[in-house]
């Protein structure tokens, strides 16, 4: 019988932490390196195969949670930034759209990277949940980097601040919902357990700091990646 272990944190610098980080980063780098010089139809086919794989993992995760009695309205809705970004990555892998690429570039990369560096498993821990956690967050790094370096997509020059505004829609939805159902989507209700250095202060001050840090990450990504005038 599956044992429910809610919100388990993987301590930094432990063996499991190194394994998760190493698997995620190595998989992303190796796949991009192998595919960057392949023919266009092979690149497109691989990306669609990834879309199907990610979608299958997402659907299986839902059935897994329901079957093991750990699906709850407080934790399982696709309203966290990472879950929303993962779904957008799935769609963008099948048929990339400009705004999806920009969302993945500016939001999925920092969200996925921080999740890998400071892991918190909100459903508890099992072999599947551990694998799914790193798969989804590695996918959030892989898709925008693949679209950037393999498919040569570029963000529009002014898209960064529009993506920041789009993110606030999630905040507006989640903030009252959290208090209504006693959830913590996007960590707007209470401070998460993850050992993240940017979680400074108590509620609501850490939320303001996270917003500022998020904007800083977006600006840094904007400076690193080339943009188009369109």
Protein backbone atom coordinates (compact mmCIF):
# COMPACT_ATOMS: atom_id res chain seq x y z
CA UNK A 1 0.00 0.00 0.00
CA UNK A 2 1.27 3.46 -0.87
CA UNK A 3 2.28 5.51 2.15
CA UNK A 4 1.26 9.15 1.99
CA UNK A 5 4.12 11.47 2.87
CA UNK A 6 2.99 15.01 2.21
CA UNK A 7 5.35 17.79 1.19
CA UNK A 8 8.72 16.11 1.48
CA UNK A 9 11.79 18.28 0.95
CA UNK A 10 14.98 16.83 -0.55
CA UNK A 11 17.82 18.49 1.40
CA UNK A 12 20.44 20.25 -0.76
CA UNK A 13 23.83 18.59 -1.25
CA UNK A 14 22.54 15.13 -0.35
CA UNK A 15 23.15 12.15 -2.66
CA UNK A 16 19.54 12.18 -3.90
CA UNK A 17 19.77 15.92 -4.54
CA UNK A 18 22.92 15.46 -6.63
CA UNK A 19 21.34 12.59 -8.56
CA UNK A 20 18.22 14.59 -9.39
CA UNK A 21 20.17 17.66 -10.41
CA UNK A 22 22.69 15.67 -12.43
CA UNK A 23 20.05 13.63 -14.28
CA UNK A 24 18.03 16.72 -15.16
CA UNK A 25 20.86 18.93 -16.41
CA UNK A 26 22.72 16.14 -18.21
CA UNK A 27 19.60 14.94 -20.02
CA UNK A 28 18.80 18.45 -21.26
CA UNK A 29 22.36 19.14 -22.46
CA UNK A 30 22.86 15.77 -24.15
CA UNK A 31 19.55 15.83 -26.02
CA UNK A 32 20.09 19.35 -27.32
CA UNK A 33 23.67 18.57 -28.33
CA UNK A 34 22.63 15.43 -30.23
CA UNK A 35 19.70 17.03 -32.04
CA UNK A 36 21.02 20.48 -32.90
CA UNK A 37 22.64 19.30 -36.16
CA UNK A 38 20.00 16.78 -37.19
CA UNK A 39 17.67 17.29 -40.13
CA UNK A 40 14.64 19.51 -39.59
CA UNK A 41 12.08 16.71 -39.91
CA UNK A 42 14.01 14.66 -37.35
CA UNK A 43 14.06 17.61 -34.94
CA UNK A 44 10.33 18.16 -35.38
CA UNK A 45 9.55 14.46 -34.97
CA UNK A 46 11.61 14.23 -31.77
CA UNK A 47 9.89 17.28 -30.30
CA UNK A 48 6.48 15.77 -31.00
CA UNK A 49 7.55 12.49 -29.44
CA UNK A 50 8.55 14.49 -26.37
CA UNK A 51 5.15 16.17 -26.36
CA UNK A 52 3.40 12.78 -26.37
CA UNK A 53 5.73 11.49 -23.64
CA UNK A 54 5.18 14.54 -21.43
CA UNK A 55 1.41 14.38 -21.95
CA UNK A 56 1.34 10.67 -21.12
CA UNK A 57 3.32 11.27 -17.93
CA UNK A 58 0.95 14.09 -16.92
CA UNK A 59 -2.18 11.96 -17.44
CA UNK A 60 -0.62 8.96 -15.69
CA UNK A 61 0.31 11.16 -12.74
CA UNK A 62 -3.34 12.18 -12.31
CA UNK A 63 -4.53 8.56 -12.31
CA UNK A 64 -1.68 7.60 -9.99
CA UNK A 65 -2.68 10.24 -7.46
CA UNK A 66 -6.35 9.27 -7.63
CA UNK A 67 -5.60 5.55 -7.37
CA UNK A 68 -3.35 6.09 -4.34
CA UNK A 69 -5.76 8.45 -2.62
CA UNK A 70 -3.43 11.45 -2.68
CA UNK A 71 -5.29 13.61 -5.21
CA UNK A 72 -6.74 16.63 -3.42
CA UNK A 73 -8.19 19.92 -4.52
CA UNK A 74 -5.68 21.61 -2.20
CA UNK A 75 -2.61 20.25 -4.02
CA UNK A 76 -3.48 18.63 -7.33
CA UNK A 77 -5.08 21.26 -9.55
CA UNK A 78 -2.83 22.53 -12.37
CA UNK A 79 -2.52 26.01 -10.86
CA UNK A 80 1.07 26.11 -9.63
CA UNK A 81 3.41 28.02 -11.91
CA UNK A 82 5.40 24.86 -12.60
CA UNK A 83 2.33 22.83 -13.53
CA UNK A 84 0.93 25.54 -15.78
CA UNK A 85 4.35 25.91 -17.40
CA UNK A 86 4.66 22.15 -17.90
CA UNK A 87 1.30 22.03 -19.68
CA UNK A 88 2.35 24.93 -21.91
CA UNK A 89 5.61 23.07 -22.62
CA UNK A 90 3.60 20.02 -23.69
CA UNK A 91 1.55 22.07 -26.17
CA UNK A 92 4.58 24.05 -27.36
CA UNK A 93 6.41 20.78 -28.06
CA UNK A 94 3.64 19.66 -30.40
CA UNK A 95 3.02 22.96 -32.16
CA UNK A 96 5.15 25.87 -30.93
CA UNK A 97 3.46 29.25 -30.71
CA UNK A 98 5.34 32.47 -30.12
CA UNK A 99 3.67 33.37 -26.83
CA UNK A 100 4.10 29.80 -25.54
CA UNK A 101 7.79 29.91 -26.32
CA UNK A 102 8.11 33.25 -24.53
CA UNK A 103 6.26 31.93 -21.46
CA UNK A 104 8.51 28.88 -21.36
CA UNK A 105 11.63 30.97 -21.88
CA UNK A 106 10.94 33.62 -19.25
CA UNK A 107 8.96 31.65 -16.65
CA UNK A 108 9.47 27.91 -17.12
CA UNK A 109 13.27 28.12 -17.07
CA UNK A 110 13.63 29.93 -13.71
CA UNK A 111 10.70 28.03 -12.16
CA UNK A 112 12.08 24.67 -13.29
CA UNK A 113 15.63 25.48 -12.25
CA UNK A 114 14.64 26.61 -8.76
CA UNK A 115 12.42 23.55 -8.35
CA UNK A 116 15.36 21.28 -9.20
CA UNK A 117 17.74 23.17 -6.92
CA UNK A 118 15.30 23.31 -3.99
CA UNK A 119 13.01 20.27 -4.42
CA UNK A 120 9.74 20.01 -2.51
CA UNK A 121 7.53 17.03 -3.38
CA UNK A 122 4.01 18.17 -2.56
CA UNK A 123 2.46 14.74 -3.10
CA UNK A 124 4.94 12.86 -0.92
CA UNK A 125 7.67 10.54 -2.17
CA UNK A 126 7.73 7.29 -4.10
CA UNK A 127 9.79 6.11 -7.04
CA UNK A 128 7.17 7.37 -9.50
CA UNK A 129 6.60 10.70 -7.78
CA UNK A 130 10.34 11.31 -7.63
CA UNK A 131 10.80 10.44 -11.30
CA UNK A 132 7.80 12.55 -12.33
CA UNK A 133 9.03 15.53 -10.32
CA UNK A 134 12.39 15.64 -12.08
CA UNK A 135 10.91 14.76 -15.48
CA UNK A 136 8.46 17.66 -15.41
CA UNK A 137 10.96 20.22 -14.20
CA UNK A 138 13.69 19.04 -16.56
CA UNK A 139 11.11 19.34 -19.37
CA UNK A 140 10.56 22.96 -18.35
CA UNK A 141 14.25 23.57 -19.03
CA UNK A 142 14.47 21.38 -22.11
CA UNK A 143 11.58 22.77 -24.18
CA UNK A 144 12.53 26.48 -24.24
CA UNK A 145 16.24 25.69 -24.64
CA UNK A 146 15.44 23.24 -27.47
CA UNK A 147 13.26 25.82 -29.19
CA UNK A 148 15.99 28.43 -28.74
CA UNK A 149 19.13 26.50 -29.74
CA UNK A 150 17.72 23.84 -32.07
CA UNK A 151 14.66 25.49 -33.63
CA UNK A 152 16.22 28.98 -33.45
CA UNK A 153 13.15 30.69 -32.01
CA UNK A 154 13.58 34.15 -30.51
CA UNK A 155 11.43 36.13 -28.11
CA UNK A 156 9.93 39.42 -29.21
CA UNK A 157 11.74 42.44 -27.80
CA UNK A 158 8.88 43.64 -25.57
CA UNK A 159 7.49 40.22 -24.71
CA UNK A 160 9.24 39.96 -21.34
CA UNK A 161 7.03 42.49 -19.55
CA UNK A 162 3.90 41.08 -21.19
CA UNK A 163 4.75 37.64 -19.81
CA UNK A 164 5.14 39.19 -16.36
CA UNK A 165 1.64 40.63 -16.72
CA UNK A 166 0.25 37.26 -17.89
CA UNK A 167 1.67 35.70 -14.74
CA UNK A 168 -0.36 38.08 -12.61
CA UNK A 169 -3.52 36.50 -14.01
CA UNK A 170 -2.50 33.30 -12.22
CA UNK A 171 -1.90 35.30 -9.06
CA UNK A 172 -5.36 36.88 -9.26
CA UNK A 173 -6.97 33.44 -9.72
CA UNK A 174 -4.97 31.63 -7.06
CA UNK A 175 -4.96 34.19 -4.28
CA UNK A 176 -8.68 34.03 -3.36
CA UNK A 177 -8.92 30.34 -4.29
CA UNK A 178 -6.18 29.46 -1.80
CA UNK A 179 -8.13 30.99 1.06
CA UNK A 180 -11.40 29.49 -0.18
CA UNK A 181 -10.19 25.85 -0.23
CA UNK A 182 -7.22 26.18 2.17
CA UNK A 183 -4.71 25.53 -0.62
CA UNK A 184 -1.30 27.05 -1.32
CA UNK A 185 -1.07 27.37 -5.09
CA UNK A 186 1.91 29.47 -6.15
CA UNK A 187 2.68 29.66 -2.40
CA UNK A 188 0.38 32.65 -1.96
CA UNK A 189 -1.28 31.33 1.21
CA UNK A 190 1.74 30.38 3.29
CA UNK A 191 5.47 29.92 2.99
CA UNK A 192 6.60 26.63 1.39
CA UNK A 193 9.02 24.23 3.07
CA UNK A 194 11.61 24.38 0.27
CA UNK A 195 15.06 25.64 1.32
CA UNK A 196 15.11 28.52 -1.16
CA UNK A 197 17.30 31.55 -0.32
CA UNK A 198 14.74 33.90 -1.87
CA UNK A 199 12.05 32.90 0.62
CA UNK A 200 12.72 35.86 2.88
CA UNK A 201 10.37 36.96 5.64
CA UNK A 202 6.92 35.73 6.51
CA UNK A 203 3.55 36.14 4.79
CA UNK A 204 2.89 38.36 2.89
CA UNK A 205 6.39 39.88 2.62
CA UNK A 206 8.04 36.85 1.04
CA UNK A 207 5.47 37.06 -1.80
CA UNK A 208 6.58 40.60 -2.65
CA UNK A 209 10.22 39.48 -2.64
CA UNK A 210 9.43 36.49 -4.86
CA UNK A 211 7.68 38.79 -7.33
CA UNK A 212 10.72 41.05 -7.45
CA UNK A 213 13.07 38.07 -7.83
CA UNK A 214 10.89 36.67 -10.60
CA UNK A 215 11.08 39.95 -12.51
CA UNK A 216 14.86 39.98 -12.00
CA UNK A 217 15.11 36.48 -13.46
CA UNK A 218 13.01 37.52 -16.46
CA UNK A 219 15.23 40.55 -17.08
CA UNK A 220 18.41 38.43 -16.85
CA UNK A 221 16.99 35.92 -19.35
CA UNK A 222 16.01 38.84 -21.60
CA UNK A 223 19.63 40.01 -21.58
CA UNK A 224 21.08 36.54 -22.23
CA UNK A 225 18.85 35.42 -25.09
CA UNK A 226 18.68 37.23 -28.41
CA UNK A 227 15.37 38.85 -29.29
CA UNK A 228 13.64 39.89 -32.48
CA UNK A 229 12.19 43.31 -33.29
CA UNK A 230 8.76 41.87 -34.12
